[in-house]
Amino acid sequence: MKFIIIFSLLIVSGISTENLKYTFETKYIEMPLDHFTYYGTSLPFGNLSFTDLKYLGYLSSSQALADYVYLINDLQKTYSKDVKRLPVVAFGGSYGGMLSAWLRMKYPNSIVGAIASSAPIWQFKDMTPCGNFDRIVTNVFEALGRGKCSLTIKNSWAVIRSETKNDTGKAFLSKLWNLCSPLKSQDDVDDLIEWLSNIYINLAMVNYPYPTSFLVPLPANPVREFCSEINSVKYKDNAGLLNAIGKDDLGEAGWNFQACTEIVMPMCSTDFDMFENEAWDFKKFSDACFKTEGVRPRSEDVPILEYGGKDLRYASNIVFSNGLLDPWSSGGVLSNISDSISAVIIPDGAHHFDLRANNKNDSESVRNARKFHIHQIGKWLDQYYGKTNKPKRREYNLLSALQYFNIMY
């Protein structure tokens, strides 16, 4: 399943002593990051990083957090010139949002606060109903595809299974959908169904109101465009339905490994969504992990024990933002926890919509979310400088260092 990662740091290195109104500029830090995280181009063992388990032992959230703490310490030495330490704010989207929140929770001495966008830190065992994720995807397709689209997708699974029971059917579907590799086995059919499911999930995740290209090139409102193609086909039989589904087409290695070791997120499909019914089965999931990754998850409880689950009473200075069009909001923090842990809801927002660059088609809700982030960062800086000696620099612009560790994959 595709998972988009954004992680960055904001290091505040200047402040006005007369007027505590913060404005931000950015620059990139020239620093090799090839020893971090296994995502994007950050491969600690180069091309060997995913070839053997002996190279994958450092791929974990806890290791990533420790790496960031040491990096922040090094950056402090570089940028802390006339003050002892500078305030650091972590930003993250998706898994990067989880890292941002966990970094503040586990190492509060390293950062003053975190903006955690689309961070499903509650998508774990007994914390969120396993069917919520697929239900949100279905809701998006129902709302933007006028109902017919999601119904066509729901009906397609049984038709695909029926039509591919024999070699003739497999050959027919392979030709109809112009598959790169023809279907030859039941495993191939299972892979095709999983691939299709992930397409629908990804379309919901990136349903932005303007064209994007960071997964694949997509038009504005891709779910509406996709469903428009499906709905344009008037089918009367199974072949017609399959033709409708195939009308349009569109670096998971690191995430797949983590999902099979520490970040186990129970998912299931029911009669109440558009996906093929499938109950959550930890043993089946573990067997699949062993088959594809050569590892088994230690336990479903690992991330809960590591980061505290829903017990956030000792955490502070975190903003959790979620778009309700994003299926990952199913495991997100959707209400305020305390005075210092806030939840921002973007009703018409997709995956970490608020961390994307400004666009003329941005909705009012995402613009307001960004304003809230700026307001909260200002509060954290006020708190920080209220407890330490303020720098005696008369600068009205803050100089910040913004470094993207993992942009996406």
Protein backbone atom coordinates (compact mmCIF):
# COMPACT_ATOMS: atom_id res chain seq x y z
CA MET A 1 0.00 0.00 0.00
CA LYS A 2 1.41 3.37 -1.02
CA PHE A 3 2.47 5.60 1.83
CA ILE A 4 3.76 9.10 1.17
CA ILE A 5 6.48 10.44 3.42
CA ILE A 6 7.37 14.01 4.23
CA PHE A 7 9.66 14.91 7.07
CA SER A 8 11.37 18.22 7.69
CA LEU A 9 12.84 20.39 10.41
CA LEU A 10 12.49 24.10 11.01
CA ILE A 11 15.39 25.57 12.96
CA VAL A 12 14.72 29.11 14.17
CA SER A 13 17.96 31.06 14.15
CA GLY A 14 16.90 34.68 14.47
CA ILE A 15 14.30 36.66 16.38
CA SER A 16 13.16 40.24 16.81
CA THR A 17 13.55 41.56 20.36
CA GLU A 18 11.04 44.36 19.84
CA ASN A 19 8.10 42.61 18.26
CA LEU A 20 7.52 38.91 18.66
CA LYS A 21 5.79 38.43 15.32
CA TYR A 22 7.37 35.56 13.50
CA THR A 23 7.98 35.41 9.78
CA PHE A 24 9.84 32.64 8.07
CA GLU A 25 12.35 32.31 5.28
CA THR A 26 13.84 29.02 4.15
CA LYS A 27 17.08 27.66 2.83
CA TYR A 28 18.39 24.17 2.24
CA ILE A 29 21.10 22.69 4.38
CA GLU A 30 23.99 21.17 2.49
CA MET A 31 24.29 17.89 4.35
CA PRO A 32 24.68 14.31 3.09
CA LEU A 33 21.69 12.27 4.25
CA ASP A 34 22.60 8.93 2.75
CA HIS A 35 22.81 7.33 6.20
CA PHE A 36 19.15 8.00 7.03
CA THR A 37 15.93 6.02 6.87
CA TYR A 38 15.91 3.83 3.70
CA TYR A 39 13.42 6.07 1.86
CA GLY A 40 13.90 7.99 -1.36
CA THR A 41 17.63 8.17 -2.04
CA SER A 42 18.50 7.74 1.66
CA LEU A 43 19.95 4.24 1.40
CA PRO A 44 22.48 3.44 4.14
CA PHE A 45 24.01 0.56 2.19
CA GLY A 46 23.45 1.90 -1.30
CA ASN A 47 22.00 -0.57 -3.77
CA LEU A 48 22.51 -3.37 -1.24
CA SER A 49 20.09 -1.83 1.28
CA PHE A 50 17.14 -4.06 0.37
CA THR A 51 19.00 -7.14 -0.83
CA ASP A 52 19.44 -8.92 2.50
CA LEU A 53 18.01 -8.80 6.01
CA LYS A 54 21.46 -8.05 7.39
CA TYR A 55 21.25 -4.63 5.71
CA LEU A 56 17.67 -3.97 6.85
CA GLY A 57 18.25 -4.20 10.57
CA TYR A 58 18.37 -0.42 10.97
CA LEU A 59 15.04 0.19 9.22
CA SER A 60 12.72 1.11 12.08
CA SER A 61 10.95 4.17 13.40
CA SER A 62 12.96 4.12 16.62
CA GLN A 63 16.23 4.12 14.68
CA ALA A 64 14.99 6.95 12.47
CA LEU A 65 14.07 9.04 15.51
CA ALA A 66 17.46 8.45 17.09
CA ASP A 67 19.15 9.48 13.84
CA TYR A 68 17.16 12.70 13.74
CA VAL A 69 18.09 13.52 17.34
CA TYR A 70 21.78 13.19 16.52
CA LEU A 71 21.29 15.22 13.33
CA ILE A 72 19.53 17.98 15.26
CA ASN A 73 22.40 18.04 17.73
CA ASP A 74 24.90 18.47 14.89
CA LEU A 75 22.79 21.21 13.32
CA GLN A 76 22.64 23.00 16.65
CA LYS A 77 26.43 23.15 16.65
CA THR A 78 26.35 24.69 13.18
CA TYR A 79 23.54 27.20 13.60
CA SER A 80 23.60 28.06 17.32
CA LYS A 81 26.08 30.91 17.25
CA ASP A 82 25.14 33.50 19.84
CA VAL A 83 22.67 31.37 21.80
CA LYS A 84 23.07 28.04 23.51
CA ARG A 85 20.37 26.16 21.59
CA LEU A 86 17.85 27.08 18.92
CA PRO A 87 14.20 26.01 18.91
CA VAL A 88 13.42 23.27 16.39
CA VAL A 89 10.00 22.41 14.98
CA ALA A 90 9.35 19.10 13.20
CA PHE A 91 6.95 18.86 10.26
CA GLY A 92 5.73 15.59 8.86
CA GLY A 93 3.11 14.13 6.58
CA SER A 94 1.98 10.50 6.49
CA TYR A 95 4.62 8.26 8.10
CA GLY A 96 6.67 11.44 8.40
CA GLY A 97 3.80 12.87 10.45
CA MET A 98 3.98 9.88 12.74
CA LEU A 99 7.73 10.43 13.11
CA SER A 100 7.17 14.12 13.89
CA ALA A 101 4.67 13.37 16.65
CA TRP A 102 6.74 10.52 18.06
CA LEU A 103 9.87 12.66 17.99
CA ARG A 104 8.17 15.27 20.18
CA MET A 105 6.76 12.56 22.46
CA LYS A 106 9.97 10.60 22.83
CA TYR A 107 12.58 13.37 22.62
CA PRO A 108 10.86 16.56 23.84
CA ASN A 109 14.24 18.09 24.61
CA SER A 110 15.18 18.03 20.90
CA ILE A 111 12.20 19.86 19.39
CA VAL A 112 9.78 22.45 20.76
CA GLY A 113 6.80 21.17 18.82
CA ALA A 114 5.54 19.12 15.88
CA ILE A 115 3.07 19.55 13.02
CA ALA A 116 1.85 16.01 12.30
CA SER A 117 -0.29 15.92 9.16
CA SER A 118 -2.17 12.78 8.11
CA ALA A 119 -0.38 10.86 10.85
CA PRO A 120 -2.29 7.63 11.61
CA ILE A 121 -0.72 7.01 15.02
CA TRP A 122 -3.92 5.22 16.13
CA GLN A 123 -4.20 2.82 13.18
CA PHE A 124 -3.18 -0.08 15.37
CA LYS A 125 -4.61 -3.08 17.18
CA ASP A 126 -7.85 -2.40 19.10
CA MET A 127 -7.47 1.35 18.62
CA THR A 128 -9.41 1.85 15.38
CA PRO A 129 -12.02 -0.44 13.74
CA CYS A 130 -10.21 -2.27 10.96
CA GLY A 131 -12.90 -1.44 8.38
CA ASN A 132 -12.80 2.34 8.77
CA PHE A 133 -10.00 2.86 6.25
CA ASP A 134 -11.80 1.18 3.34
CA ARG A 135 -15.07 2.78 4.34
CA ILE A 136 -13.55 6.26 3.95
CA VAL A 137 -12.23 5.38 0.49
CA THR A 138 -15.72 4.18 -0.41
CA ASN A 139 -17.32 7.37 0.91
CA VAL A 140 -15.06 9.44 -1.33
CA PHE A 141 -15.95 7.41 -4.42
CA GLU A 142 -19.65 7.48 -3.55
CA ALA A 143 -19.64 11.25 -3.08
CA LEU A 144 -17.61 12.11 -6.16
CA GLY A 145 -18.71 9.27 -8.44
CA ARG A 146 -22.47 9.57 -7.93
CA GLY A 147 -22.83 6.11 -6.39
CA LYS A 148 -22.61 4.17 -9.67
CA CYS A 149 -18.81 4.25 -9.63
CA SER A 150 -18.40 2.60 -6.22
CA LEU A 151 -21.14 0.08 -7.05
CA THR A 152 -19.36 -0.89 -10.27
CA ILE A 153 -16.13 -1.39 -8.34
CA LYS A 154 -17.94 -3.39 -5.64
CA ASN A 155 -19.48 -5.70 -8.26
CA SER A 156 -16.20 -6.11 -10.13
CA TRP A 157 -14.48 -8.35 -7.59
CA ALA A 158 -16.85 -11.27 -7.98
CA VAL A 159 -16.76 -10.87 -11.77
CA ILE A 160 -12.96 -10.87 -11.82
CA ARG A 161 -12.91 -14.02 -9.69
CA SER A 162 -15.51 -15.70 -11.90
CA GLU A 163 -13.94 -14.77 -15.22
CA THR A 164 -10.44 -15.88 -14.21
CA LYS A 165 -11.31 -19.37 -12.96
CA ASN A 166 -9.88 -20.89 -16.13
CA ASP A 167 -7.05 -20.13 -18.53
CA THR A 168 -9.40 -18.80 -21.19
CA GLY A 169 -10.77 -16.21 -18.79
CA LYS A 170 -7.31 -15.23 -17.60
CA ALA A 171 -6.19 -14.72 -21.21
CA PHE A 172 -9.33 -12.70 -21.98
CA LEU A 173 -8.83 -10.30 -19.06
CA SER A 174 -5.11 -9.99 -19.73
CA LYS A 175 -5.87 -8.87 -23.29
CA LEU A 176 -8.83 -6.65 -22.36
CA TRP A 177 -6.80 -4.70 -19.80
CA ASN A 178 -3.57 -4.88 -21.78
CA LEU A 179 -1.69 -6.23 -18.76
CA CYS A 180 2.10 -6.11 -18.93
CA SER A 181 2.27 -9.73 -17.80
CA PRO A 182 -0.58 -12.14 -18.63
CA LEU A 183 -2.47 -13.78 -15.78
CA LYS A 184 -1.37 -17.39 -15.40
CA SER A 185 -2.19 -18.41 -11.83
CA GLN A 186 -4.50 -17.67 -8.93
CA ASP A 187 -1.66 -15.79 -7.24
CA ASP A 188 -1.54 -13.52 -10.29
CA VAL A 189 -5.25 -12.82 -9.91
CA ASP A 190 -4.79 -12.06 -6.20
CA ASP A 191 -1.99 -9.65 -7.06
CA LEU A 192 -4.17 -7.97 -9.67
CA ILE A 193 -6.98 -7.44 -7.17
CA GLU A 194 -4.56 -5.99 -4.61
CA TRP A 195 -3.10 -3.72 -7.30
CA LEU A 196 -6.56 -2.46 -8.24
CA SER A 197 -7.46 -1.87 -4.59
CA ASN A 198 -4.31 0.19 -4.10
CA ILE A 199 -5.14 2.30 -7.16
CA TYR A 200 -8.50 3.24 -5.66
CA ILE A 201 -6.89 3.96 -2.29
CA ASN A 202 -4.20 6.12 -3.84
CA LEU A 203 -6.73 8.08 -5.88
CA ALA A 204 -8.60 8.95 -2.69
CA MET A 205 -5.36 9.87 -0.91
CA VAL A 206 -4.26 12.33 -3.61
CA ASN A 207 -7.65 13.75 -4.52
CA TYR A 208 -6.36 17.33 -4.65
CA PRO A 209 -8.23 20.14 -6.43
CA TYR A 210 -5.34 20.72 -8.85
CA PRO A 211 -3.08 18.49 -11.00
CA THR A 212 -0.23 16.69 -9.23
CA SER A 213 2.55 14.36 -10.29
CA PHE A 214 4.36 13.09 -7.20
CA LEU A 215 2.84 9.56 -7.38
CA VAL A 216 1.98 9.57 -11.06
CA PRO A 217 0.73 12.47 -13.19
CA LEU A 218 -2.90 12.99 -12.23
CA PRO A 219 -5.52 15.59 -13.11
CA ALA A 220 -7.31 17.79 -10.61
CA ASN A 221 -9.95 15.88 -8.62
CA PRO A 222 -8.71 12.49 -9.88
CA VAL A 223 -11.48 10.45 -8.22
CA ARG A 224 -14.12 12.44 -10.08
CA GLU A 225 -12.20 12.06 -13.35
CA PHE A 226 -11.68 8.35 -12.82
CA CYS A 227 -15.32 7.74 -11.97
CA SER A 228 -16.43 9.82 -14.93
CA GLU A 229 -14.64 7.36 -17.21
CA ILE A 230 -16.17 4.35 -15.46
CA ASN A 231 -19.65 5.87 -15.40
CA SER A 232 -19.46 6.68 -19.12
CA VAL A 233 -19.56 2.98 -20.00
CA LYS A 234 -23.03 1.48 -20.15
CA TYR A 235 -22.49 -2.21 -19.52
CA LYS A 236 -25.01 -5.05 -19.62
CA ASP A 237 -22.85 -8.07 -18.82
CA ASN A 238 -19.66 -9.14 -17.06
CA ALA A 239 -17.46 -8.32 -20.03
CA GLY A 240 -18.91 -4.82 -20.16
CA LEU A 241 -18.30 -4.31 -16.45
CA LEU A 242 -14.67 -5.40 -16.80
CA ASN A 243 -14.28 -3.03 -19.73
CA ALA A 244 -15.63 -0.19 -17.57
CA ILE A 245 -13.16 -0.92 -14.76
CA GLY A 246 -10.28 -1.06 -17.24
CA LYS A 247 -11.31 2.17 -18.94
CA ASP A 248 -8.75 4.30 -17.10
CA ASP A 249 -5.28 3.56 -15.72
CA LEU A 250 -2.88 5.21 -13.65
CA GLY A 251 9.75 2.94 -3.42
CA GLU A 252 7.23 0.85 -1.49
CA ALA A 253 9.98 -1.54 -0.41
CA GLY A 254 10.84 0.32 2.79
CA TRP A 255 7.26 0.74 3.95
CA ASN A 256 6.37 -2.89 3.19
CA PHE A 257 9.25 -4.05 5.37
CA GLN A 258 8.23 -1.81 8.27
CA ALA A 259 4.59 -2.89 7.94
CA CYS A 260 5.81 -6.45 8.31
CA THR A 261 8.03 -5.82 11.32
CA GLU A 262 6.88 -3.02 13.63
CA ILE A 263 4.07 -0.92 12.11
CA VAL A 264 1.32 -3.53 11.77
CA MET A 265 -1.94 -1.78 10.87
CA PRO A 266 -5.00 -4.06 10.94
CA MET A 267 -7.20 -3.56 7.85
CA CYS A 268 -10.37 -5.34 6.79
CA SER A 269 -13.14 -5.00 4.21
CA THR A 270 -16.83 -5.64 4.79
CA ASP A 271 -20.21 -5.44 3.06
CA PHE A 272 -20.26 -1.74 3.90
CA ASP A 273 -17.47 -0.72 1.52
CA MET A 274 -16.64 -1.21 -2.17
CA PHE A 275 -13.74 -3.63 -1.68
CA GLU A 276 -13.65 -7.39 -1.78
CA ASN A 277 -14.64 -8.72 1.65
CA GLU A 278 -11.66 -9.76 3.73
CA ALA A 279 -11.40 -10.12 7.50
CA TRP A 280 -8.26 -9.11 9.37
CA ASP A 281 -6.17 -12.22 9.96
CA PHE A 282 -2.87 -11.62 11.72
CA LYS A 283 -1.57 -15.11 10.93
CA LYS A 284 -2.37 -14.72 7.24
CA PHE A 285 -0.70 -11.31 7.28
CA SER A 286 2.37 -12.77 9.01
CA ASP A 287 2.59 -15.60 6.45
CA ALA A 288 2.37 -13.11 3.58
CA CYS A 289 5.14 -11.04 5.17
CA PHE A 290 7.36 -14.06 5.48
CA LYS A 291 6.72 -14.94 1.84
CA THR A 292 7.49 -11.48 0.45
CA GLU A 293 9.88 -9.94 2.99
CA GLY A 294 11.42 -12.93 4.73
CA VAL A 295 10.33 -11.64 8.15
CA ARG A 296 7.39 -11.94 10.51
CA PRO A 297 6.02 -9.18 12.75
CA ARG A 298 6.99 -9.66 16.36
CA SER A 299 3.59 -8.60 17.63
CA GLU A 300 0.69 -6.29 16.82
CA ASP A 301 1.44 -4.51 20.09
CA VAL A 302 4.91 -3.22 19.18
CA PRO A 303 3.96 0.36 18.13
CA ILE A 304 1.52 0.66 21.04
CA LEU A 305 4.15 -0.35 23.59
CA GLU A 306 6.78 1.78 21.89
CA TYR A 307 4.78 5.01 21.64
CA GLY A 308 1.95 4.70 24.15
CA GLY A 309 -1.08 4.15 21.94
CA LYS A 310 -3.89 6.55 22.83
CA ASP A 311 -2.30 7.62 26.10
CA LEU A 312 -1.06 11.10 25.17
CA ARG A 313 -1.39 12.70 28.59
CA TYR A 314 2.35 13.24 28.92
CA ALA A 315 2.80 14.69 25.42
CA SER A 316 2.63 18.36 24.48
CA ASN A 317 3.02 20.85 21.63
CA ILE A 318 1.70 18.70 18.79
CA VAL A 319 -0.80 19.62 16.09
CA PHE A 320 -2.50 16.67 14.39
CA SER A 321 -4.16 17.65 11.11
CA ASN A 322 -6.31 15.37 8.97
CA GLY A 323 -8.26 15.71 5.75
CA LEU A 324 -11.52 13.79 5.84
CA LEU A 325 -11.11 12.68 2.21
CA ASP A 326 -7.92 10.90 3.27
CA PRO A 327 -8.43 7.25 4.29
CA TRP A 328 -5.53 7.52 6.73
CA SER A 329 -7.65 9.86 8.83
CA SER A 330 -9.24 6.64 10.09
CA GLY A 331 -6.25 6.27 12.41
CA GLY A 332 -5.67 9.94 13.03
CA VAL A 333 -6.22 12.11 16.08
CA LEU A 334 -9.46 13.92 15.23
CA SER A 335 -10.20 15.85 18.43
CA ASN A 336 -8.21 17.98 20.85
CA ILE A 337 -6.46 15.98 23.53
CA SER A 338 -5.36 18.84 25.78
CA ASP A 339 -4.53 22.52 25.69
CA SER A 340 -1.24 21.71 24.00
CA ILE A 341 -2.28 18.84 21.72
CA SER A 342 -4.63 20.08 19.04
CA ALA A 343 -6.55 18.47 16.20
CA VAL A 344 -7.21 20.30 12.92
CA ILE A 345 -9.88 18.90 10.60
CA ILE A 346 -9.88 19.71 6.88
CA PRO A 347 -13.27 18.44 5.64
CA ASP A 348 -12.39 18.61 1.95
CA GLY A 349 -8.74 17.68 2.39
CA ALA A 350 -6.80 14.73 0.98
CA HIS A 351 -3.50 13.30 2.24
CA HIS A 352 -1.41 15.95 4.09
CA PHE A 353 -3.09 18.63 1.97
CA ASP A 354 -1.96 21.35 4.38
CA LEU A 355 1.74 20.62 3.89
CA ARG A 356 1.60 21.11 0.15
CA ALA A 357 2.56 24.41 -1.44
CA ASN A 358 0.00 27.17 -1.74
CA ASN A 359 -2.23 26.87 -4.78
CA LYS A 360 -4.94 29.16 -6.13
CA ASN A 361 -7.37 26.24 -5.92
CA ASP A 362 -6.74 25.61 -2.24
CA SER A 363 -9.90 25.46 -0.17
CA GLU A 364 -10.59 27.86 2.67
CA SER A 365 -10.32 25.02 5.17
CA VAL A 366 -6.75 24.15 4.18
CA ARG A 367 -5.75 27.81 4.21
CA ASN A 368 -7.15 28.11 7.73
CA ALA A 369 -5.26 24.98 8.78
CA ARG A 370 -1.98 26.53 7.67
CA LYS A 371 -2.78 29.71 9.58
CA PHE A 372 -3.41 27.63 12.67
CA HIS A 373 -0.05 25.90 12.24
CA ILE A 374 1.72 29.26 12.07
CA HIS A 375 -0.16 30.45 15.14
CA GLN A 376 0.82 27.36 17.13
CA ILE A 377 4.46 27.60 16.10
CA GLY A 378 4.43 31.19 17.32
CA LYS A 379 3.06 30.03 20.69
CA TRP A 380 5.79 27.41 20.98
CA LEU A 381 8.45 30.00 20.21
CA ASP A 382 6.96 32.34 22.80
CA GLN A 383 7.12 29.55 25.36
CA TYR A 384 10.68 28.72 24.42
CA TYR A 385 12.02 32.26 24.56
CA GLY A 386 10.02 32.99 27.68
CA LYS A 387 12.09 30.39 29.50
CA THR A 388 15.49 31.27 28.09
CA ASN A 389 17.45 34.43 27.42
CA LYS A 390 16.21 36.11 24.26
CA PRO A 391 18.88 36.73 21.63
CA LYS A 392 20.00 40.36 21.45
CA ARG A 393 19.70 40.43 17.70
CA ARG A 394 17.47 43.09 16.16
CA GLU A 395 16.25 41.07 13.18
CA TYR A 396 12.66 41.18 12.06
CA ASN A 397 12.83 38.06 9.92
CA LEU A 398 13.57 34.65 11.31
CA LEU A 399 16.12 32.68 9.38
CA SER A 400 15.04 29.09 9.24
CA ALA A 401 16.63 25.93 7.97
CA LEU A 402 14.21 23.68 6.18
CA GLN A 403 15.48 20.26 5.18
CA TYR A 404 13.40 17.51 3.63
CA PHE A 405 14.81 14.19 4.75
CA ASN A 406 12.28 12.07 2.86
CA ILE A 407 10.09 13.78 0.30
CA MET A 408 8.16 10.82 -1.06
CA TYR A 409 8.42 7.45 -2.71
